[in-house]
Amino acid sequence: MRNRCLCLGGVLALAGLSGTALAQEGNITMGRQIAEEYCVSCHDVDPGGAFKQEPPSFAAIAIYRSPEQIRERIVTPIHAAMPRYTEYMIGGNIDDMVAYIASLEE
């Protein structure tokens, strides 16, 4: 799966699409709804939320991670406490989450 993501990233880069354009493919409103339902118990998911590290607020994630990195952390969490939502989230929902988180950088 990782190799396919890397390959797709290379194809998109060659096509001139930035990470921001990739994140724009998701539905920001749906991403926020998903975040408010599943992520808010640990993360601050609001725009302009508290800038914390453990666990990071979505605003902090947006500033320090690219959309590709955000997607990778959703698909493959780096700590055991984060639920593996990808086991039951469909691909479009991941696009929505990435789009919402990336939108918080502005």
PDB file of N, CA and C in Angstrom:
ATOM      1  N   MET A   1       0.827  -1.194   0.000  1.00  0.00           N
ATOM      2  CA  MET A   1       0.000   0.000   0.000  1.00  0.00           C
ATOM      3  C   MET A   1       0.869   1.253   0.000  1.00  0.00           C
ATOM      4  N   ARG A   2       1.907   1.261   0.829  1.00  0.00           N
ATOM      5  CA  ARG A   2       2.786   2.428   0.911  1.00  0.00           C
ATOM      6  C   ARG A   2       3.430   2.708  -0.436  1.00  0.00           C
ATOM      7  N   ASN A   3       3.864   1.644  -1.135  1.00  0.00           N
ATOM      8  CA  ASN A   3       4.489   1.838  -2.440  1.00  0.00           C
ATOM      9  C   ASN A   3       3.511   2.454  -3.432  1.00  0.00           C
ATOM     10  N   ARG A   4       2.237   2.045  -3.351  1.00  0.00           N
ATOM     11  CA  ARG A   4       1.235   2.630  -4.239  1.00  0.00           C
ATOM     12  C   ARG A   4       1.038   4.098  -3.924  1.00  0.00           C
ATOM     13  N   CYS A   5       1.043   4.465  -2.630  1.00  0.00           N
ATOM     14  CA  CYS A   5       0.887   5.873  -2.242  1.00  0.00           C
ATOM     15  C   CYS A   5       2.065   6.692  -2.744  1.00  0.00           C
ATOM     16  N   LEU A   6       3.273   6.132  -2.605  1.00  0.00           N
ATOM     17  CA  LEU A   6       4.453   6.846  -3.069  1.00  0.00           C
ATOM     18  C   LEU A   6       4.409   7.022  -4.575  1.00  0.00           C
ATOM     19  N   CYS A   7       3.977   5.982  -5.256  1.00  0.00           N
ATOM     20  CA  CYS A   7       3.881   6.056  -6.715  1.00  0.00           C
ATOM     21  C   CYS A   7       2.837   7.088  -7.118  1.00  0.00           C
ATOM     22  N   LEU A   8       1.673   7.068  -6.474  1.00  0.00           N
ATOM     23  CA  LEU A   8       0.631   8.034  -6.772  1.00  0.00           C
ATOM     24  C   LEU A   8       1.123   9.447  -6.483  1.00  0.00           C
ATOM     25  N   GLY A   9       1.848   9.628  -5.384  1.00  0.00           N
ATOM     26  CA  GLY A   9       2.399  10.946  -5.061  1.00  0.00           C
ATOM     27  C   GLY A   9       3.331  11.434  -6.152  1.00  0.00           C
ATOM     28  N   GLY A  10       4.145  10.542  -6.683  1.00  0.00           N
ATOM     29  CA  GLY A  10       5.049  10.914  -7.766  1.00  0.00           C
ATOM     30  C   GLY A  10       4.303  11.296  -9.024  1.00  0.00           C
ATOM     31  N   VAL A  11       3.256  10.549  -9.341  1.00  0.00           N
ATOM     32  CA  VAL A  11       2.445  10.861 -10.521  1.00  0.00           C
ATOM     33  C   VAL A  11       1.776  12.215 -10.350  1.00  0.00           C
ATOM     34  N   LEU A  12       1.228  12.475  -9.161  1.00  0.00           N
ATOM     35  CA  LEU A  12       0.577  13.760  -8.923  1.00  0.00           C
ATOM     36  C   LEU A  12       1.580  14.903  -8.988  1.00  0.00           C
ATOM     37  N   ALA A  13       2.777  14.679  -8.466  1.00  0.00           N
ATOM     38  CA  ALA A  13       3.806  15.720  -8.514  1.00  0.00           C
ATOM     39  C   ALA A  13       4.162  16.026  -9.967  1.00  0.00           C
ATOM     40  N   LEU A  14       4.285  14.983 -10.765  1.00  0.00           N
ATOM     41  CA  LEU A  14       4.598  15.186 -12.179  1.00  0.00           C
ATOM     42  C   LEU A  14       3.465  15.913 -12.894  1.00  0.00           C
ATOM     43  N   ALA A  15       2.250  15.684 -12.440  1.00  0.00           N
ATOM     44  CA  ALA A  15       1.101  16.334 -13.064  1.00  0.00           C
ATOM     45  C   ALA A  15       0.952  17.777 -12.602  1.00  0.00           C
ATOM     46  N   GLY A  16       1.771  18.185 -11.636  1.00  0.00           N
ATOM     47  CA  GLY A  16       1.739  19.565 -11.186  1.00  0.00           C
ATOM     48  C   GLY A  16       0.750  19.831 -10.070  1.00  0.00           C
ATOM     49  N   LEU A  17       0.258  18.777  -9.412  1.00  0.00           N
ATOM     50  CA  LEU A  17      -0.685  18.963  -8.321  1.00  0.00           C
ATOM     51  C   LEU A  17       0.070  19.031  -7.011  1.00  0.00           C
ATOM     52  N   SER A  18      -0.196  20.042  -6.230  1.00  0.00           N
ATOM     53  CA  SER A  18       0.455  20.174  -4.927  1.00  0.00           C
ATOM     54  C   SER A  18      -0.295  19.347  -3.906  1.00  0.00           C
ATOM     55  N   GLY A  19       0.301  19.206  -2.716  1.00  0.00           N
ATOM     56  CA  GLY A  19      -0.364  18.535  -1.610  1.00  0.00           C
ATOM     57  C   GLY A  19      -1.656  19.230  -1.248  1.00  0.00           C
ATOM     58  N   THR A  20      -1.701  20.541  -1.343  1.00  0.00           N
ATOM     59  CA  THR A  20      -2.914  21.287  -1.042  1.00  0.00           C
ATOM     60  C   THR A  20      -4.015  20.916  -2.031  1.00  0.00           C
ATOM     61  N   ALA A  21      -3.659  20.786  -3.288  1.00  0.00           N
ATOM     62  CA  ALA A  21      -4.656  20.391  -4.283  1.00  0.00           C
ATOM     63  C   ALA A  21      -5.168  18.995  -3.986  1.00  0.00           C
ATOM     64  N   LEU A  22      -4.292  18.110  -3.564  1.00  0.00           N
ATOM     65  CA  LEU A  22      -4.699  16.759  -3.212  1.00  0.00           C
ATOM     66  C   LEU A  22      -5.675  16.800  -2.057  1.00  0.00           C
ATOM     67  N   ALA A  23      -5.400  17.609  -1.033  1.00  0.00           N
ATOM     68  CA  ALA A  23      -6.274  17.703   0.122  1.00  0.00           C
ATOM     69  C   ALA A  23      -7.616  18.304  -0.257  1.00  0.00           C
ATOM     70  N   GLN A  24      -7.653  19.161  -1.263  1.00  0.00           N
ATOM     71  CA  GLN A  24      -8.884  19.809  -1.668  1.00  0.00           C
ATOM     72  C   GLN A  24      -9.887  18.829  -2.268  1.00  0.00           C
ATOM     73  N   GLU A  25      -9.457  17.649  -2.625  1.00  0.00           N
ATOM     74  CA  GLU A  25     -10.362  16.667  -3.205  1.00  0.00           C
ATOM     75  C   GLU A  25     -11.365  16.158  -2.189  1.00  0.00           C
ATOM     76  N   GLY A  26     -11.041  16.251  -0.909  1.00  0.00           N
ATOM     77  CA  GLY A  26     -11.949  15.808   0.131  1.00  0.00           C
ATOM     78  C   GLY A  26     -12.960  16.889   0.470  1.00  0.00           C
ATOM     79  N   ASN A  27     -13.989  16.486   1.189  1.00  0.00           N
ATOM     80  CA  ASN A  27     -15.042  17.392   1.628  1.00  0.00           C
ATOM     81  C   ASN A  27     -14.695  17.890   3.029  1.00  0.00           C
ATOM     82  N   ILE A  28     -14.339  19.164   3.142  1.00  0.00           N
ATOM     83  CA  ILE A  28     -13.902  19.737   4.412  1.00  0.00           C
ATOM     84  C   ILE A  28     -15.005  19.645   5.466  1.00  0.00           C
ATOM     85  N   THR A  29     -16.237  19.915   5.081  1.00  0.00           N
ATOM     86  CA  THR A  29     -17.354  19.873   6.031  1.00  0.00           C
ATOM     87  C   THR A  29     -17.540  18.462   6.575  1.00  0.00           C
ATOM     88  N   MET A  30     -17.476  17.473   5.698  1.00  0.00           N
ATOM     89  CA  MET A  30     -17.607  16.084   6.146  1.00  0.00           C
ATOM     90  C   MET A  30     -16.428  15.706   7.036  1.00  0.00           C
ATOM     91  N   GLY A  31     -15.228  16.162   6.689  1.00  0.00           N
ATOM     92  CA  GLY A  31     -14.055  15.884   7.510  1.00  0.00           C
ATOM     93  C   GLY A  31     -14.212  16.432   8.914  1.00  0.00           C
ATOM     94  N   ARG A  32     -14.757  17.639   9.021  1.00  0.00           N
ATOM     95  CA  ARG A  32     -14.980  18.234  10.350  1.00  0.00           C
ATOM     96  C   ARG A  32     -15.996  17.407  11.134  1.00  0.00           C
ATOM     97  N   GLN A  33     -17.059  16.967  10.472  1.00  0.00           N
ATOM     98  CA  GLN A  33     -18.068  16.152  11.148  1.00  0.00           C
ATOM     99  C   GLN A  33     -17.466  14.845  11.667  1.00  0.00           C
ATOM    100  N   ILE A  34     -16.631  14.225  10.862  1.00  0.00           N
ATOM    101  CA  ILE A  34     -15.968  12.985  11.285  1.00  0.00           C
ATOM    102  C   ILE A  34     -15.061  13.271  12.474  1.00  0.00           C
ATOM    103  N   ALA A  35     -14.298  14.361  12.402  1.00  0.00           N
ATOM    104  CA  ALA A  35     -13.392  14.732  13.493  1.00  0.00           C
ATOM    105  C   ALA A  35     -14.162  14.981  14.785  1.00  0.00           C
ATOM    106  N   GLU A  36     -15.289  15.684  14.679  1.00  0.00           N
ATOM    107  CA  GLU A  36     -16.089  15.986  15.860  1.00  0.00           C
ATOM    108  C   GLU A  36     -16.702  14.733  16.471  1.00  0.00           C
ATOM    109  N   GLU A  37     -16.928  13.723  15.651  1.00  0.00           N
ATOM    110  CA  GLU A  37     -17.507  12.483  16.166  1.00  0.00           C
ATOM    111  C   GLU A  37     -16.455  11.523  16.718  1.00  0.00           C
ATOM    112  N   TYR A  38     -15.337  11.374  16.016  1.00  0.00           N
ATOM    113  CA  TYR A  38     -14.388  10.325  16.364  1.00  0.00           C
ATOM    114  C   TYR A  38     -13.082  10.804  16.999  1.00  0.00           C
ATOM    115  N   CYS A  39     -12.688  12.047  16.779  1.00  0.00           N
ATOM    116  CA  CYS A  39     -11.346  12.475  17.180  1.00  0.00           C
ATOM    117  C   CYS A  39     -11.314  13.413  18.377  1.00  0.00           C
ATOM    118  N   VAL A  40     -12.437  14.054  18.668  1.00  0.00           N
ATOM    119  CA  VAL A  40     -12.485  15.117  19.664  1.00  0.00           C
ATOM    120  C   VAL A  40     -12.221  14.620  21.087  1.00  0.00           C
ATOM    121  N   SER A  41     -12.369  13.351  21.340  1.00  0.00           N
ATOM    122  CA  SER A  41     -12.119  12.855  22.697  1.00  0.00           C
ATOM    123  C   SER A  41     -10.638  12.946  23.067  1.00  0.00           C
ATOM    124  N   CYS A  42      -9.762  13.020  22.072  1.00  0.00           N
ATOM    125  CA  CYS A  42      -8.322  13.146  22.338  1.00  0.00           C
ATOM    126  C   CYS A  42      -7.736  14.441  21.766  1.00  0.00           C
ATOM    127  N   HIS A  43      -8.107  14.788  20.547  1.00  0.00           N
ATOM    128  CA  HIS A  43      -7.529  15.938  19.846  1.00  0.00           C
ATOM    129  C   HIS A  43      -8.435  17.159  19.957  1.00  0.00           C
ATOM    130  N   ASP A  44      -7.831  18.338  19.940  1.00  0.00           N
ATOM    131  CA  ASP A  44      -8.573  19.573  19.755  1.00  0.00           C
ATOM    132  C   ASP A  44      -8.743  19.710  18.252  1.00  0.00           C
ATOM    133  N   VAL A  45      -9.964  19.609  17.769  1.00  0.00           N
ATOM    134  CA  VAL A  45     -10.214  19.566  16.328  1.00  0.00           C
ATOM    135  C   VAL A  45     -10.712  20.888  15.761  1.00  0.00           C
ATOM    136  N   ASP A  46     -10.870  21.898  16.612  1.00  0.00           N
ATOM    137  CA  ASP A  46     -11.419  23.176  16.170  1.00  0.00           C
ATOM    138  C   ASP A  46     -10.384  24.033  15.444  1.00  0.00           C
ATOM    139  N   PRO A  47     -10.848  24.840  14.496  1.00  0.00           N
ATOM    140  CA  PRO A  47      -9.939  25.819  13.886  1.00  0.00           C
ATOM    141  C   PRO A  47      -9.403  26.743  14.981  1.00  0.00           C
ATOM    142  N   GLY A  48      -8.125  27.018  14.948  1.00  0.00           N
ATOM    143  CA  GLY A  48      -7.530  27.876  15.968  1.00  0.00           C
ATOM    144  C   GLY A  48      -7.485  27.229  17.335  1.00  0.00           C
ATOM    145  N   GLY A  49      -7.572  25.908  17.360  1.00  0.00           N
ATOM    146  CA  GLY A  49      -7.570  25.186  18.629  1.00  0.00           C
ATOM    147  C   GLY A  49      -6.253  25.318  19.368  1.00  0.00           C
ATOM    148  N   ALA A  50      -6.267  24.918  20.622  1.00  0.00           N
ATOM    149  CA  ALA A  50      -5.067  24.984  21.463  1.00  0.00           C
ATOM    150  C   ALA A  50      -3.906  24.290  20.767  1.00  0.00           C
ATOM    151  N   PHE A  51      -2.771  24.931  20.779  1.00  0.00           N
ATOM    152  CA  PHE A  51      -1.595  24.423  20.071  1.00  0.00           C
ATOM    153  C   PHE A  51      -0.819  23.513  20.995  1.00  0.00           C
ATOM    154  N   LYS A  52      -1.245  22.266  21.079  1.00  0.00           N
ATOM    155  CA  LYS A  52      -0.607  21.323  21.992  1.00  0.00           C
ATOM    156  C   LYS A  52       0.064  20.205  21.206  1.00  0.00           C
ATOM    157  N   GLN A  53       0.846  19.406  21.940  1.00  0.00           N
ATOM    158  CA  GLN A  53       1.594  18.342  21.265  1.00  0.00           C
ATOM    159  C   GLN A  53       1.096  16.946  21.573  1.00  0.00           C
ATOM    160  N   GLU A  54       0.606  16.682  22.744  1.00  0.00           N
ATOM    161  CA  GLU A  54       0.262  15.304  23.113  1.00  0.00           C
ATOM    162  C   GLU A  54      -1.177  15.169  23.534  1.00  0.00           C
ATOM    163  N   PRO A  55      -2.040  14.684  22.734  1.00  0.00           N
ATOM    164  CA  PRO A  55      -1.890  14.543  21.287  1.00  0.00           C
ATOM    165  C   PRO A  55      -1.989  15.921  20.627  1.00  0.00           C
ATOM    166  N   PRO A  56      -1.438  16.043  19.461  1.00  0.00           N
ATOM    167  CA  PRO A  56      -1.430  17.363  18.822  1.00  0.00           C
ATOM    168  C   PRO A  56      -2.832  17.810  18.423  1.00  0.00           C
ATOM    169  N   SER A  57      -3.045  19.109  18.481  1.00  0.00           N
ATOM    170  CA  SER A  57      -4.298  19.659  17.963  1.00  0.00           C
ATOM    171  C   SER A  57      -4.265  19.538  16.444  1.00  0.00           C
ATOM    172  N   PHE A  58      -5.427  19.541  15.841  1.00  0.00           N
ATOM    173  CA  PHE A  58      -5.473  19.470  14.385  1.00  0.00           C
ATOM    174  C   PHE A  58      -4.830  20.710  13.763  1.00  0.00           C
ATOM    175  N   ALA A  59      -4.941  21.870  14.442  1.00  0.00           N
ATOM    176  CA  ALA A  59      -4.296  23.086  13.929  1.00  0.00           C
ATOM    177  C   ALA A  59      -2.778  22.910  13.885  1.00  0.00           C
ATOM    178  N   ALA A  60      -2.209  22.295  14.931  1.00  0.00           N
ATOM    179  CA  ALA A  60      -0.766  22.046  14.957  1.00  0.00           C
ATOM    180  C   ALA A  60      -0.371  21.055  13.869  1.00  0.00           C
ATOM    181  N   ILE A  61      -1.166  20.030  13.691  1.00  0.00           N
ATOM    182  CA  ILE A  61      -0.886  19.040  12.650  1.00  0.00           C
ATOM    183  C   ILE A  61      -0.872  19.720  11.283  1.00  0.00           C
ATOM    184  N   ALA A  62      -1.846  20.593  11.049  1.00  0.00           N
ATOM    185  CA  ALA A  62      -1.949  21.277   9.753  1.00  0.00           C
ATOM    186  C   ALA A  62      -0.712  22.110   9.454  1.00  0.00           C
ATOM    187  N   ILE A  63      -0.149  22.709  10.477  1.00  0.00           N
ATOM    188  CA  ILE A  63       1.019  23.567  10.279  1.00  0.00           C
ATOM    189  C   ILE A  63       2.286  22.754  10.042  1.00  0.00           C
ATOM    190  N   TYR A  64       2.436  21.650  10.755  1.00  0.00           N
ATOM    191  CA  TYR A  64       3.696  20.909  10.711  1.00  0.00           C
ATOM    192  C   TYR A  64       3.703  19.684   9.805  1.00  0.00           C
ATOM    193  N   ARG A  65       2.571  19.316   9.241  1.00  0.00           N
ATOM    194  CA  ARG A  65       2.518  18.122   8.388  1.00  0.00           C
ATOM    195  C   ARG A  65       1.905  18.446   7.035  1.00  0.00           C
ATOM    196  N   SER A  66       2.429  17.827   6.008  1.00  0.00           N
ATOM    197  CA  SER A  66       1.858  17.962   4.668  1.00  0.00           C
ATOM    198  C   SER A  66       0.606  17.084   4.583  1.00  0.00           C
ATOM    199  N   PRO A  67      -0.252  17.327   3.599  1.00  0.00           N
ATOM    200  CA  PRO A  67      -1.411  16.445   3.439  1.00  0.00           C
ATOM    201  C   PRO A  67      -1.022  14.974   3.290  1.00  0.00           C
ATOM    202  N   GLU A  68       0.073  14.712   2.619  1.00  0.00           N
ATOM    203  CA  GLU A  68       0.527  13.320   2.469  1.00  0.00           C
ATOM    204  C   GLU A  68       0.909  12.719   3.819  1.00  0.00           C
ATOM    205  N   GLN A  69       1.583  13.500   4.655  1.00  0.00           N
ATOM    206  CA  GLN A  69       1.962  13.025   5.987  1.00  0.00           C
ATOM    207  C   GLN A  69       0.732  12.827   6.867  1.00  0.00           C
ATOM    208  N   ILE A  70      -0.234  13.716   6.747  1.00  0.00           N
ATOM    209  CA  ILE A  70      -1.474  13.583   7.519  1.00  0.00           C
ATOM    210  C   ILE A  70      -2.167  12.285   7.136  1.00  0.00           C
ATOM    211  N   ARG A  71      -2.278  12.038   5.837  1.00  0.00           N
ATOM    212  CA  ARG A  71      -2.907  10.797   5.364  1.00  0.00           C
ATOM    213  C   ARG A  71      -2.171   9.576   5.923  1.00  0.00           C
ATOM    214  N   GLU A  72      -0.865   9.598   5.869  1.00  0.00           N
ATOM    215  CA  GLU A  72      -0.075   8.455   6.354  1.00  0.00           C
ATOM    216  C   GLU A  72      -0.322   8.208   7.840  1.00  0.00           C
ATOM    217  N   ARG A  73      -0.419   9.277   8.632  1.00  0.00           N
ATOM    218  CA  ARG A  73      -0.660   9.121  10.078  1.00  0.00           C
ATOM    219  C   ARG A  73      -2.057   8.582  10.360  1.00  0.00           C
ATOM    220  N   ILE A  74      -3.028   8.909   9.514  1.00  0.00           N
ATOM    221  CA  ILE A  74      -4.372   8.355   9.673  1.00  0.00           C
ATOM    222  C   ILE A  74      -4.359   6.875   9.310  1.00  0.00           C
ATOM    223  N   VAL A  75      -3.734   6.560   8.196  1.00  0.00           N
ATOM    224  CA  VAL A  75      -3.701   5.172   7.715  1.00  0.00           C
ATOM    225  C   VAL A  75      -2.838   4.297   8.610  1.00  0.00           C
ATOM    226  N   THR A  76      -1.707   4.826   9.060  1.00  0.00           N
ATOM    227  CA  THR A  76      -0.768   4.072   9.889  1.00  0.00           C
ATOM    228  C   THR A  76      -0.398   4.910  11.109  1.00  0.00           C
ATOM    229  N   PRO A  77      -1.219   4.873  12.160  1.00  0.00           N
ATOM    230  CA  PRO A  77      -0.913   5.659  13.359  1.00  0.00           C
ATOM    231  C   PRO A  77       0.438   5.268  13.949  1.00  0.00           C
ATOM    232  N   ILE A  78       1.101   6.250  14.571  1.00  0.00           N
ATOM    233  CA  ILE A  78       2.425   5.965  15.121  1.00  0.00           C
ATOM    234  C   ILE A  78       2.389   5.595  16.597  1.00  0.00           C
ATOM    235  N   HIS A  79       1.234   5.635  17.215  1.00  0.00           N
ATOM    236  CA  HIS A  79       1.146   5.201  18.603  1.00  0.00           C
ATOM    237  C   HIS A  79      -0.061   4.288  18.781  1.00  0.00           C
ATOM    238  N   ALA A  80       0.039   3.368  19.717  1.00  0.00           N
ATOM    239  CA  ALA A  80      -0.969   2.329  19.888  1.00  0.00           C
ATOM    240  C   ALA A  80      -2.304   2.863  20.374  1.00  0.00           C
ATOM    241  N   ALA A  81      -2.314   3.988  21.074  1.00  0.00           N
ATOM    242  CA  ALA A  81      -3.563   4.498  21.635  1.00  0.00           C
ATOM    243  C   ALA A  81      -4.514   5.046  20.571  1.00  0.00           C
ATOM    244  N   MET A  82      -3.991   5.429  19.414  1.00  0.00           N
ATOM    245  CA  MET A  82      -4.869   5.975  18.381  1.00  0.00           C
ATOM    246  C   MET A  82      -5.589   4.843  17.675  1.00  0.00           C
ATOM    247  N   PRO A  83      -6.919   4.899  17.669  1.00  0.00           N
ATOM    248  CA  PRO A  83      -7.670   3.826  16.986  1.00  0.00           C
ATOM    249  C   PRO A  83      -7.332   3.779  15.505  1.00  0.00           C
ATOM    250  N   ARG A  84      -7.396   2.616  14.977  1.00  0.00           N
ATOM    251  CA  ARG A  84      -7.108   2.422  13.565  1.00  0.00           C
ATOM    252  C   ARG A  84      -8.411   2.588  12.781  1.00  0.00           C
ATOM    253  N   TYR A  85      -8.781   3.857  12.600  1.00  0.00           N
ATOM    254  CA  TYR A  85     -10.044   4.156  11.942  1.00  0.00           C
ATOM    255  C   TYR A  85     -10.096   3.640  10.519  1.00  0.00           C
ATOM    256  N   THR A  86      -8.965   3.449   9.908  1.00  0.00           N
ATOM    257  CA  THR A  86      -8.970   3.002   8.515  1.00  0.00           C
ATOM    258  C   THR A  86      -9.511   1.586   8.378  1.00  0.00           C
ATOM    259  N   GLU A  87      -9.638   0.872   9.496  1.00  0.00           N
ATOM    260  CA  GLU A  87     -10.215  -0.461   9.407  1.00  0.00           C
ATOM    261  C   GLU A  87     -11.698  -0.403   9.066  1.00  0.00           C
ATOM    262  N   TYR A  88     -12.348   0.730   9.339  1.00  0.00           N
ATOM    263  CA  TYR A  88     -13.751   0.852   8.976  1.00  0.00           C
ATOM    264  C   TYR A  88     -14.099   2.164   8.266  1.00  0.00           C
ATOM    265  N   MET A  89     -13.121   3.041   8.068  1.00  0.00           N
ATOM    266  CA  MET A  89     -13.372   4.253   7.280  1.00  0.00           C
ATOM    267  C   MET A  89     -13.136   3.940   5.816  1.00  0.00           C
ATOM    268  N   ILE A  90     -14.027   4.422   4.973  1.00  0.00           N
ATOM    269  CA  ILE A  90     -13.818   4.232   3.543  1.00  0.00           C
ATOM    270  C   ILE A  90     -12.842   5.289   3.045  1.00  0.00           C
ATOM    271  N   GLY A  91     -12.224   5.056   1.921  1.00  0.00           N
ATOM    272  CA  GLY A  91     -11.200   5.944   1.388  1.00  0.00           C
ATOM    273  C   GLY A  91     -11.617   7.394   1.272  1.00  0.00           C
ATOM    274  N   GLY A  92     -12.850   7.653   0.860  1.00  0.00           N
ATOM    275  CA  GLY A  92     -13.333   9.019   0.740  1.00  0.00           C
ATOM    276  C   GLY A  92     -13.347   9.750   2.066  1.00  0.00           C
ATOM    277  N   ASN A  93     -13.645   9.037   3.140  1.00  0.00           N
ATOM    278  CA  ASN A  93     -13.637   9.669   4.464  1.00  0.00           C
ATOM    279  C   ASN A  93     -12.225  10.083   4.855  1.00  0.00           C
ATOM    280  N   ILE A  94     -11.249   9.323   4.461  1.00  0.00           N
ATOM    281  CA  ILE A  94      -9.865   9.699   4.738  1.00  0.00           C
ATOM    282  C   ILE A  94      -9.532  10.974   3.962  1.00  0.00           C
ATOM    283  N   ASP A  95      -9.974  11.061   2.716  1.00  0.00           N
ATOM    284  CA  ASP A  95      -9.781  12.282   1.937  1.00  0.00           C
ATOM    285  C   ASP A  95     -10.429  13.470   2.650  1.00  0.00           C
ATOM    286  N   ASP A  96     -11.624  13.255   3.203  1.00  0.00           N
ATOM    287  CA  ASP A  96     -12.333  14.317   3.910  1.00  0.00           C
ATOM    288  C   ASP A  96     -11.555  14.760   5.152  1.00  0.00           C
ATOM    289  N   MET A  97     -11.030  13.795   5.904  1.00  0.00           N
ATOM    290  CA  MET A  97     -10.255  14.126   7.106  1.00  0.00           C
ATOM    291  C   MET A  97      -8.995  14.906   6.736  1.00  0.00           C
ATOM    292  N   VAL A  98      -8.302  14.470   5.713  1.00  0.00           N
ATOM    293  CA  VAL A  98      -7.085  15.167   5.276  1.00  0.00           C
ATOM    294  C   VAL A  98      -7.429  16.579   4.833  1.00  0.00           C
ATOM    295  N   ALA A  99      -8.499  16.730   4.073  1.00  0.00           N
ATOM    296  CA  ALA A  99      -8.910  18.058   3.598  1.00  0.00           C
ATOM    297  C   ALA A  99      -9.248  18.965   4.772  1.00  0.00           C
ATOM    298  N   TYR A 100      -9.966  18.440   5.760  1.00  0.00           N
ATOM    299  CA  TYR A 100     -10.332  19.270   6.914  1.00  0.00           C
ATOM    300  C   TYR A 100      -9.082  19.690   7.703  1.00  0.00           C
ATOM    301  N   ILE A 101      -8.245  18.732   8.029  1.00  0.00           N
ATOM    302  CA  ILE A 101      -7.053  19.063   8.815  1.00  0.00           C
ATOM    303  C   ILE A 101      -6.170  20.051   8.050  1.00  0.00           C
ATOM    304  N   ALA A 102      -5.929  19.800   6.780  1.00  0.00           N
ATOM    305  CA  ALA A 102      -5.096  20.695   5.971  1.00  0.00           C
ATOM    306  C   ALA A 102      -5.701  22.095   5.883  1.00  0.00           C
ATOM    307  N   SER A 103      -7.021  22.195   5.917  1.00  0.00           N
ATOM    308  CA  SER A 103      -7.673  23.508   5.827  1.00  0.00           C
ATOM    309  C   SER A 103      -7.409  24.366   7.053  1.00  0.00           C
ATOM    310  N   LEU A 104      -7.003  23.764   8.147  1.00  0.00           N
ATOM    311  CA  LEU A 104      -6.760  24.505   9.397  1.00  0.00           C
ATOM    312  C   LEU A 104      -5.446  25.267   9.383  1.00  0.00           C
ATOM    313  N   GLU A 105      -4.618  25.040   8.378  1.00  0.00           N
ATOM    314  CA  GLU A 105      -3.327  25.737   8.282  1.00  0.00           C
ATOM    315  C   GLU A 105      -3.540  27.226   7.991  1.00  0.00           C
ATOM    316  N   GLU A 106      -4.605  27.572   7.358  1.00  0.00           N
ATOM    317  CA  GLU A 106      -4.840  28.948   6.920  1.00  0.00           C
ATOM    318  C   GLU A 106      -5.198  29.857   8.066  1.00  0.00           C
TER     319      GLU A 106
END
